[in-house]
Amino acid sequence: MRRAIPLLCLLAAVAAVSFARPAFALFGMFAGGGGIKEGDPAPAFSGLTVDNQKIDFAQLKGKKVVLLDFWSIYCASCIEEMPRLVEINNEFSKKGLQVIGVNLDSFGTHRVVKFMQGMENKITFPVVIDKTRQIATSFNAMVLPTTLLIDASGKIRFYHVGYRPGDEKHLRGIVAQAVKEIRK
């Protein structure tokens, strides 16, 4: 009986975790593990948005500060973070910020668009579908959400994995400083 108690506790913990709603999503085999970091030059990327518009980083570099947010419709913390990103976009888009959502769901654009249309807070920035995870791999975005800020010179100024309420305050300060710098 004594030996059974630790085993029962372990099984109860596993069951609790199994039924809990995931706060993040994991894509790929490893989370983190090198690659991109703050201060590095951002890799080139391009993709098509959900409304079939081409986004090319080469056309933004030197002109805009770019906030990339990697997300999935199945990532609870991604969805919780989204209204904060919409607020930041609305506040800074006319000052030189380009927010780009990079969705990593592989089942098709239609389902992502339908999900976005049902959101209470509508996304006000372009969303690229990265089915092949090419952009995510370039930025080592294997845990969602992953949020990056690339300054106008093309350097990564902010690299953050996960979301907790309040993270947006720190991000807002970094965005404000980066957009000031492109006006100089």
Protein backbone atom coordinates (compact mmCIF):
# COMPACT_ATOMS: atom_id res chain seq x y z
CA MET A 1 0.00 0.00 0.00
CA ARG A 2 2.86 2.41 0.84
CA ARG A 3 4.32 1.95 -2.63
CA ALA A 4 0.97 2.54 -4.27
CA ILE A 5 0.48 6.03 -2.77
CA PRO A 6 3.34 7.74 -4.68
CA LEU A 7 2.21 6.00 -7.86
CA LEU A 8 -1.37 7.17 -7.34
CA CYS A 9 -0.15 10.74 -6.74
CA LEU A 10 1.86 10.62 -9.95
CA LEU A 11 -1.12 9.29 -11.92
CA ALA A 12 -3.36 12.00 -10.47
CA ALA A 13 -0.87 14.70 -11.46
CA VAL A 14 -0.59 13.35 -15.01
CA ALA A 15 -4.37 13.19 -15.31
CA ALA A 16 -4.75 16.77 -14.07
CA VAL A 17 -2.22 18.02 -16.60
CA SER A 18 -3.82 15.99 -19.39
CA PHE A 19 -7.23 17.59 -18.87
CA ALA A 20 -5.98 21.13 -18.33
CA ARG A 21 -6.28 23.54 -21.25
CA PRO A 22 -2.77 24.12 -22.64
CA ALA A 23 -1.45 27.64 -22.11
CA PHE A 24 1.05 27.34 -24.91
CA ALA A 25 1.72 25.20 -27.94
CA LEU A 26 4.88 23.37 -28.91
CA PHE A 27 5.83 23.00 -32.57
CA GLY A 28 8.81 21.04 -33.75
CA MET A 29 11.00 18.68 -31.81
CA PHE A 30 12.80 21.11 -29.53
CA ALA A 31 11.76 24.26 -27.73
CA GLY A 32 14.40 26.95 -27.87
CA GLY A 33 17.90 25.60 -28.02
CA GLY A 34 19.90 28.29 -29.74
CA GLY A 35 19.32 30.17 -32.92
CA ILE A 36 17.98 33.71 -32.86
CA LYS A 37 18.56 36.08 -29.96
CA GLU A 38 18.21 39.78 -29.20
CA GLY A 39 20.81 41.82 -31.08
CA ASP A 40 21.01 39.42 -34.02
CA PRO A 41 20.06 40.52 -37.53
CA ALA A 42 16.60 39.25 -38.46
CA PRO A 43 16.51 36.60 -41.17
CA ALA A 44 14.77 37.49 -44.42
CA PHE A 45 11.22 36.19 -44.67
CA SER A 46 8.16 36.53 -46.82
CA GLY A 47 4.73 34.97 -46.99
CA LEU A 48 1.13 35.32 -48.06
CA THR A 49 -1.48 36.74 -45.74
CA VAL A 50 -4.90 35.22 -45.19
CA ASP A 51 -6.24 37.69 -47.78
CA ASN A 52 -3.55 36.65 -50.30
CA GLN A 53 -1.31 39.72 -49.96
CA LYS A 54 2.46 39.25 -50.08
CA ILE A 55 4.49 40.37 -47.07
CA ASP A 56 8.22 40.70 -47.68
CA PHE A 57 10.57 41.78 -44.90
CA ALA A 58 13.00 43.23 -47.47
CA GLN A 59 10.38 45.89 -48.32
CA LEU A 60 9.89 46.80 -44.65
CA LYS A 61 13.53 46.88 -43.51
CA GLY A 62 14.76 50.44 -43.09
CA LYS A 63 11.22 51.82 -43.13
CA LYS A 64 9.26 50.06 -40.38
CA VAL A 65 9.64 48.47 -37.00
CA VAL A 66 8.26 44.94 -37.33
CA LEU A 67 6.54 43.03 -34.56
CA LEU A 68 6.20 39.32 -35.41
CA ASP A 69 3.87 37.19 -33.35
CA PHE A 70 3.86 33.42 -33.91
CA TRP A 71 0.55 31.86 -32.84
CA SER A 72 -2.03 29.11 -33.29
CA ILE A 73 -5.78 28.99 -32.83
CA TYR A 74 -5.21 26.11 -30.38
CA CYS A 75 -2.87 28.07 -28.12
CA ALA A 76 -4.80 29.58 -25.20
CA SER A 77 -2.12 32.09 -24.25
CA CYS A 78 -1.78 33.14 -27.92
CA ILE A 79 -5.48 34.01 -27.98
CA GLU A 80 -5.21 35.76 -24.60
CA GLU A 81 -2.30 37.85 -25.91
CA MET A 82 -3.97 38.81 -29.21
CA PRO A 83 -6.12 41.75 -27.94
CA ARG A 84 -2.98 43.31 -26.40
CA LEU A 85 -1.19 43.07 -29.75
CA VAL A 86 -4.20 44.66 -31.46
CA GLU A 87 -3.97 47.55 -28.95
CA ILE A 88 -0.25 47.99 -29.63
CA ASN A 89 -0.89 47.87 -33.38
CA ASN A 90 -3.64 50.47 -33.14
CA GLU A 91 -1.45 52.76 -31.02
CA PHE A 92 1.76 52.57 -33.09
CA SER A 93 0.87 51.59 -36.68
CA LYS A 94 0.76 55.21 -37.83
CA LYS A 95 4.10 55.86 -36.11
CA GLY A 96 6.05 53.22 -38.05
CA LEU A 97 5.09 49.85 -36.56
CA GLN A 98 4.08 46.89 -38.73
CA VAL A 99 2.60 44.03 -36.72
CA ILE A 100 2.49 40.69 -38.51
CA GLY A 101 0.82 37.61 -37.09
CA VAL A 102 2.37 34.34 -38.21
CA ASN A 103 -0.10 31.51 -37.81
CA LEU A 104 1.35 28.00 -37.59
CA ASP A 105 -1.82 25.96 -38.04
CA SER A 106 -1.33 23.51 -40.89
CA PHE A 107 -4.91 22.55 -41.69
CA GLY A 108 -5.76 25.43 -43.98
CA THR A 109 -6.38 29.12 -44.30
CA HIS A 110 -10.18 28.78 -44.30
CA ARG A 111 -10.30 27.46 -40.73
CA VAL A 112 -7.96 30.20 -39.47
CA VAL A 113 -10.00 32.92 -41.21
CA LYS A 114 -13.23 31.52 -39.77
CA PHE A 115 -11.67 31.51 -36.30
CA MET A 116 -10.43 35.09 -36.73
CA GLN A 117 -13.88 36.23 -37.87
CA GLY A 118 -15.38 34.80 -34.68
CA MET A 119 -12.96 36.59 -32.37
CA GLU A 120 -14.42 39.27 -30.12
CA ASN A 121 -11.42 41.56 -30.70
CA LYS A 122 -10.79 41.60 -34.43
CA ILE A 123 -7.19 41.34 -35.60
CA THR A 124 -6.24 44.64 -37.24
CA PHE A 125 -2.92 43.55 -38.74
CA PRO A 126 -1.90 41.10 -41.47
CA VAL A 127 -1.73 37.40 -40.63
CA VAL A 128 0.56 35.12 -42.62
CA ILE A 129 -0.13 31.39 -42.71
CA ASP A 130 3.15 29.48 -42.20
CA LYS A 131 1.96 25.91 -42.87
CA THR A 132 5.45 24.64 -43.65
CA ARG A 133 6.92 26.41 -40.59
CA GLN A 134 9.59 28.00 -42.78
CA ILE A 135 9.30 31.43 -41.12
CA ALA A 136 8.97 29.91 -37.65
CA THR A 137 12.08 27.79 -38.19
CA SER A 138 14.05 30.85 -39.35
CA PHE A 139 13.18 32.60 -36.09
CA ASN A 140 13.42 29.49 -33.88
CA ALA A 141 9.76 29.95 -32.88
CA MET A 142 8.91 26.47 -31.65
CA VAL A 143 6.93 27.39 -28.53
CA LEU A 144 3.86 29.59 -28.91
CA PRO A 145 3.33 32.39 -28.59
CA THR A 146 6.73 33.72 -29.59
CA THR A 147 6.87 37.48 -30.06
CA LEU A 148 9.76 39.38 -31.67
CA LEU A 149 10.40 43.03 -32.34
CA ILE A 150 12.72 43.89 -35.22
CA ASP A 151 13.91 47.49 -35.34
CA ALA A 152 14.08 49.49 -38.57
CA SER A 153 17.75 48.58 -39.02
CA GLY A 154 16.77 44.89 -39.10
CA LYS A 155 18.06 43.87 -35.66
CA ILE A 156 16.03 41.86 -33.20
CA ARG A 157 15.33 44.11 -30.22
CA PHE A 158 12.96 41.82 -28.33
CA TYR A 159 12.50 38.04 -28.31
CA HIS A 160 9.93 36.63 -25.92
CA VAL A 161 8.41 33.17 -25.56
CA GLY A 162 5.04 32.74 -23.86
CA TYR A 163 2.54 35.25 -22.57
CA ARG A 164 1.43 36.37 -19.14
CA PRO A 165 -0.89 39.31 -18.56
CA GLY A 166 1.28 42.38 -18.17
CA ASP A 167 3.97 41.29 -20.68
CA GLU A 168 2.51 43.83 -23.09
CA LYS A 169 3.61 46.73 -20.85
CA HIS A 170 7.27 45.84 -21.38
CA LEU A 171 6.69 45.25 -25.09
CA ARG A 172 4.87 48.59 -25.46
CA GLY A 173 7.90 50.43 -24.02
CA ILE A 174 10.30 48.71 -26.43
CA VAL A 175 7.99 49.46 -29.37
CA ALA A 176 7.71 53.13 -28.36
CA GLN A 177 11.49 53.49 -28.26
CA ALA A 178 12.02 51.65 -31.57
CA VAL A 179 9.48 53.77 -33.50
CA LYS A 180 11.05 56.97 -32.11
CA GLU A 181 14.37 55.88 -33.55
CA ILE A 182 13.06 55.59 -37.13
CA ARG A 183 11.91 59.21 -37.05
CA LYS A 184 15.40 60.55 -36.29
